[in-house]
């Protein structure tokens, strides 16, 4: 219980704020990727079962999340 009492309000607010910043940046990146590709990504993954594209997009999001996290922490 002492751990929960030690959490300051400012830490909680900054965590929520940076969570929304990170998620917003990930959404913007998704929209840019979707806009830049000459084919519908969701159709390729869902209907055509393009596993290679799904893995590529997944790895891309992990890389972008690491970059966003590093920027937020610094």
N, C-alpha and C. Protein backbone atom coordinates (compact mmCIF):
# COMPACT_ATOMS: atom_id res chain seq x y z
N UNK A 1 0.81 -1.20 0.00
CA UNK A 1 0.00 0.00 0.00
C UNK A 1 0.85 1.27 0.00
N UNK A 2 2.04 1.18 0.52
CA UNK A 2 2.89 2.36 0.55
C UNK A 2 3.28 2.81 -0.84
N UNK A 3 3.38 1.83 -1.75
CA UNK A 3 3.74 2.17 -3.12
C UNK A 3 2.68 3.05 -3.77
N UNK A 4 1.41 2.70 -3.58
CA UNK A 4 0.34 3.48 -4.17
C UNK A 4 0.22 4.85 -3.53
N UNK A 5 0.57 4.96 -2.28
CA UNK A 5 0.52 6.26 -1.62
C UNK A 5 1.64 7.17 -2.09
N UNK A 6 2.73 6.55 -2.58
CA UNK A 6 3.88 7.34 -3.01
C UNK A 6 3.68 7.95 -4.40
N UNK A 7 2.71 7.48 -5.12
CA UNK A 7 2.46 8.01 -6.46
C UNK A 7 1.90 9.43 -6.33
N UNK A 8 2.58 10.35 -6.96
CA UNK A 8 2.15 11.74 -6.92
C UNK A 8 1.14 12.01 -8.04
N UNK A 9 0.32 12.99 -7.82
CA UNK A 9 -0.67 13.35 -8.83
C UNK A 9 -0.02 13.79 -10.13
N UNK A 10 1.10 14.50 -10.04
CA UNK A 10 1.79 14.96 -11.24
C UNK A 10 2.30 13.78 -12.06
N UNK A 11 2.77 12.73 -11.41
CA UNK A 11 3.24 11.55 -12.13
C UNK A 11 2.08 10.87 -12.85
N UNK A 12 0.95 10.79 -12.21
CA UNK A 12 -0.22 10.18 -12.82
C UNK A 12 -0.69 10.98 -14.03
N UNK A 13 -0.74 12.29 -13.88
CA UNK A 13 -1.17 13.15 -14.98
C UNK A 13 -0.20 13.08 -16.14
N UNK A 14 1.11 13.09 -15.86
CA UNK A 14 2.09 13.03 -16.94
C UNK A 14 2.05 11.68 -17.64
N UNK A 15 1.79 10.61 -16.90
CA UNK A 15 1.67 9.28 -17.52
C UNK A 15 0.48 9.24 -18.48
N UNK A 16 -0.65 9.75 -18.04
CA UNK A 16 -1.84 9.77 -18.90
C UNK A 16 -1.60 10.66 -20.11
N UNK A 17 -0.99 11.82 -19.90
CA UNK A 17 -0.73 12.75 -21.00
C UNK A 17 0.19 12.12 -22.04
N UNK A 18 1.30 11.54 -21.59
CA UNK A 18 2.24 10.96 -22.54
C UNK A 18 1.69 9.70 -23.20
N UNK A 19 0.79 9.01 -22.54
CA UNK A 19 0.12 7.89 -23.18
C UNK A 19 -0.71 8.37 -24.36
N UNK A 20 -1.45 9.45 -24.16
CA UNK A 20 -2.25 9.99 -25.25
C UNK A 20 -1.38 10.59 -26.35
N UNK A 21 -0.27 11.21 -25.98
CA UNK A 21 0.65 11.73 -27.00
C UNK A 21 1.20 10.59 -27.84
N UNK A 22 1.64 9.52 -27.19
CA UNK A 22 2.18 8.38 -27.92
C UNK A 22 1.16 7.73 -28.82
N UNK A 23 -0.05 7.55 -28.31
CA UNK A 23 -1.10 6.92 -29.12
C UNK A 23 -1.50 7.82 -30.29
N UNK A 24 -1.53 9.11 -30.07
CA UNK A 24 -1.85 10.04 -31.15
C UNK A 24 -0.78 9.99 -32.23
N UNK A 25 0.48 9.95 -31.82
CA UNK A 25 1.55 9.85 -32.81
C UNK A 25 1.50 8.54 -33.58
N UNK A 26 1.16 7.45 -32.90
CA UNK A 26 1.02 6.17 -33.60
C UNK A 26 -0.13 6.22 -34.61
N UNK A 27 -1.23 6.87 -34.24
CA UNK A 27 -2.36 7.01 -35.16
C UNK A 27 -1.97 7.84 -36.38
N UNK A 28 -1.22 8.93 -36.15
CA UNK A 28 -0.77 9.77 -37.26
C UNK A 28 0.15 8.98 -38.19
N UNK A 29 1.04 8.19 -37.62
CA UNK A 29 1.94 7.37 -38.44
C UNK A 29 1.13 6.36 -39.25
N UNK A 30 0.12 5.74 -38.64
CA UNK A 30 -0.72 4.79 -39.37
C UNK A 30 -1.42 5.47 -40.55
N UNK A 31 -1.94 6.68 -40.33
CA UNK A 31 -2.62 7.39 -41.41
C UNK A 31 -1.65 7.76 -42.52
N UNK A 32 -0.43 8.14 -42.18
CA UNK A 32 0.58 8.48 -43.19
C UNK A 32 0.96 7.24 -44.00
N UNK A 33 1.18 6.12 -43.31
CA UNK A 33 1.50 4.88 -44.01
C UNK A 33 0.36 4.47 -44.93
N UNK A 34 -0.86 4.55 -44.43
CA UNK A 34 -2.03 4.19 -45.23
C UNK A 34 -2.17 5.11 -46.44
N UNK A 35 -1.84 6.37 -46.26
CA UNK A 35 -1.94 7.34 -47.35
C UNK A 35 -0.85 7.12 -48.40
N UNK A 36 0.35 6.72 -47.96
CA UNK A 36 1.48 6.56 -48.88
C UNK A 36 1.43 5.27 -49.70
N UNK A 37 0.76 4.27 -49.21
CA UNK A 37 0.74 3.00 -49.96
C UNK A 37 -0.27 3.07 -51.11
N UNK A 38 0.10 2.46 -52.24
CA UNK A 38 -0.79 2.52 -53.40
C UNK A 38 -1.94 1.51 -53.35
N UNK A 39 -2.02 0.72 -52.28
CA UNK A 39 -3.07 -0.29 -52.15
C UNK A 39 -3.65 -0.21 -50.75
N UNK A 40 -4.88 -0.67 -50.55
CA UNK A 40 -5.47 -0.64 -49.20
C UNK A 40 -4.83 -1.70 -48.29
N UNK A 41 -4.16 -1.26 -47.25
CA UNK A 41 -3.43 -2.16 -46.36
C UNK A 41 -4.38 -3.11 -45.64
N UNK A 42 -5.46 -2.59 -45.13
CA UNK A 42 -6.39 -3.43 -44.37
C UNK A 42 -7.01 -4.52 -45.25
N UNK A 43 -7.30 -4.20 -46.50
CA UNK A 43 -7.85 -5.22 -47.41
C UNK A 43 -6.81 -6.31 -47.65
N UNK A 44 -5.57 -5.92 -47.86
CA UNK A 44 -4.50 -6.90 -48.10
C UNK A 44 -4.32 -7.83 -46.91
N UNK A 45 -4.39 -7.29 -45.70
CA UNK A 45 -4.17 -8.10 -44.51
C UNK A 45 -5.40 -8.95 -44.19
N UNK A 46 -6.58 -8.34 -44.20
CA UNK A 46 -7.79 -9.05 -43.76
C UNK A 46 -8.35 -9.98 -44.82
N UNK A 47 -8.57 -9.48 -46.02
CA UNK A 47 -9.24 -10.28 -47.04
C UNK A 47 -8.28 -11.18 -47.80
N UNK A 48 -7.13 -10.64 -48.18
CA UNK A 48 -6.18 -11.42 -48.98
C UNK A 48 -5.22 -12.23 -48.12
N UNK A 49 -5.30 -12.09 -46.79
CA UNK A 49 -4.46 -12.86 -45.86
C UNK A 49 -2.97 -12.70 -46.17
N UNK A 50 -2.53 -11.47 -46.40
CA UNK A 50 -1.13 -11.20 -46.70
C UNK A 50 -0.36 -11.15 -45.38
N UNK A 51 0.20 -12.28 -44.98
CA UNK A 51 0.88 -12.40 -43.70
C UNK A 51 2.18 -11.59 -43.69
N UNK A 52 2.87 -11.54 -44.82
CA UNK A 52 4.12 -10.80 -44.88
C UNK A 52 3.88 -9.31 -44.63
N UNK A 53 2.82 -8.77 -45.18
CA UNK A 53 2.49 -7.36 -44.96
C UNK A 53 2.10 -7.13 -43.51
N UNK A 54 1.37 -8.06 -42.91
CA UNK A 54 0.97 -7.93 -41.52
C UNK A 54 2.19 -7.92 -40.60
N UNK A 55 3.14 -8.80 -40.86
CA UNK A 55 4.36 -8.84 -40.05
C UNK A 55 5.17 -7.55 -40.25
N UNK A 56 5.26 -7.09 -41.48
CA UNK A 56 5.99 -5.86 -41.77
C UNK A 56 5.38 -4.66 -41.05
N UNK A 57 4.07 -4.51 -41.10
CA UNK A 57 3.40 -3.41 -40.43
C UNK A 57 3.57 -3.53 -38.91
N UNK A 58 3.49 -4.75 -38.39
CA UNK A 58 3.69 -4.97 -36.96
C UNK A 58 5.08 -4.56 -36.52
N UNK A 59 6.10 -4.96 -37.29
CA UNK A 59 7.48 -4.58 -36.94
C UNK A 59 7.68 -3.08 -37.07
N UNK A 60 7.04 -2.48 -38.04
CA UNK A 60 7.14 -1.04 -38.22
C UNK A 60 6.55 -0.30 -37.01
N UNK A 61 5.40 -0.77 -36.52
CA UNK A 61 4.79 -0.13 -35.36
C UNK A 61 5.63 -0.32 -34.10
N UNK A 62 6.25 -1.47 -33.95
CA UNK A 62 7.13 -1.67 -32.80
C UNK A 62 8.31 -0.72 -32.86
N UNK A 63 8.91 -0.57 -34.04
CA UNK A 63 10.04 0.34 -34.19
C UNK A 63 9.63 1.79 -33.92
N UNK A 64 8.49 2.19 -34.43
CA UNK A 64 8.03 3.56 -34.22
C UNK A 64 7.68 3.79 -32.74
N UNK A 65 7.11 2.78 -32.09
CA UNK A 65 6.80 2.90 -30.66
C UNK A 65 8.07 3.06 -29.83
N UNK A 66 9.12 2.34 -30.19
CA UNK A 66 10.39 2.50 -29.47
C UNK A 66 10.95 3.90 -29.68
N UNK A 67 10.87 4.41 -30.89
CA UNK A 67 11.36 5.76 -31.16
C UNK A 67 10.55 6.79 -30.39
N UNK A 68 9.22 6.67 -30.40
CA UNK A 68 8.36 7.62 -29.67
C UNK A 68 8.66 7.55 -28.17
N UNK A 69 8.83 6.35 -27.65
CA UNK A 69 9.13 6.20 -26.22
C UNK A 69 10.46 6.84 -25.87
N UNK A 70 11.45 6.67 -26.73
CA UNK A 70 12.75 7.28 -26.47
C UNK A 70 12.68 8.80 -26.49
N UNK A 71 11.89 9.34 -27.40
CA UNK A 71 11.73 10.80 -27.47
C UNK A 71 10.99 11.32 -26.25
N UNK A 72 9.96 10.62 -25.81
CA UNK A 72 9.20 11.05 -24.66
C UNK A 72 10.04 11.00 -23.39
N UNK A 73 10.84 9.95 -23.24
CA UNK A 73 11.67 9.80 -22.03
C UNK A 73 12.77 10.85 -21.98
N UNK A 74 13.32 11.22 -23.13
CA UNK A 74 14.45 12.16 -23.12
C UNK A 74 14.04 13.59 -22.89
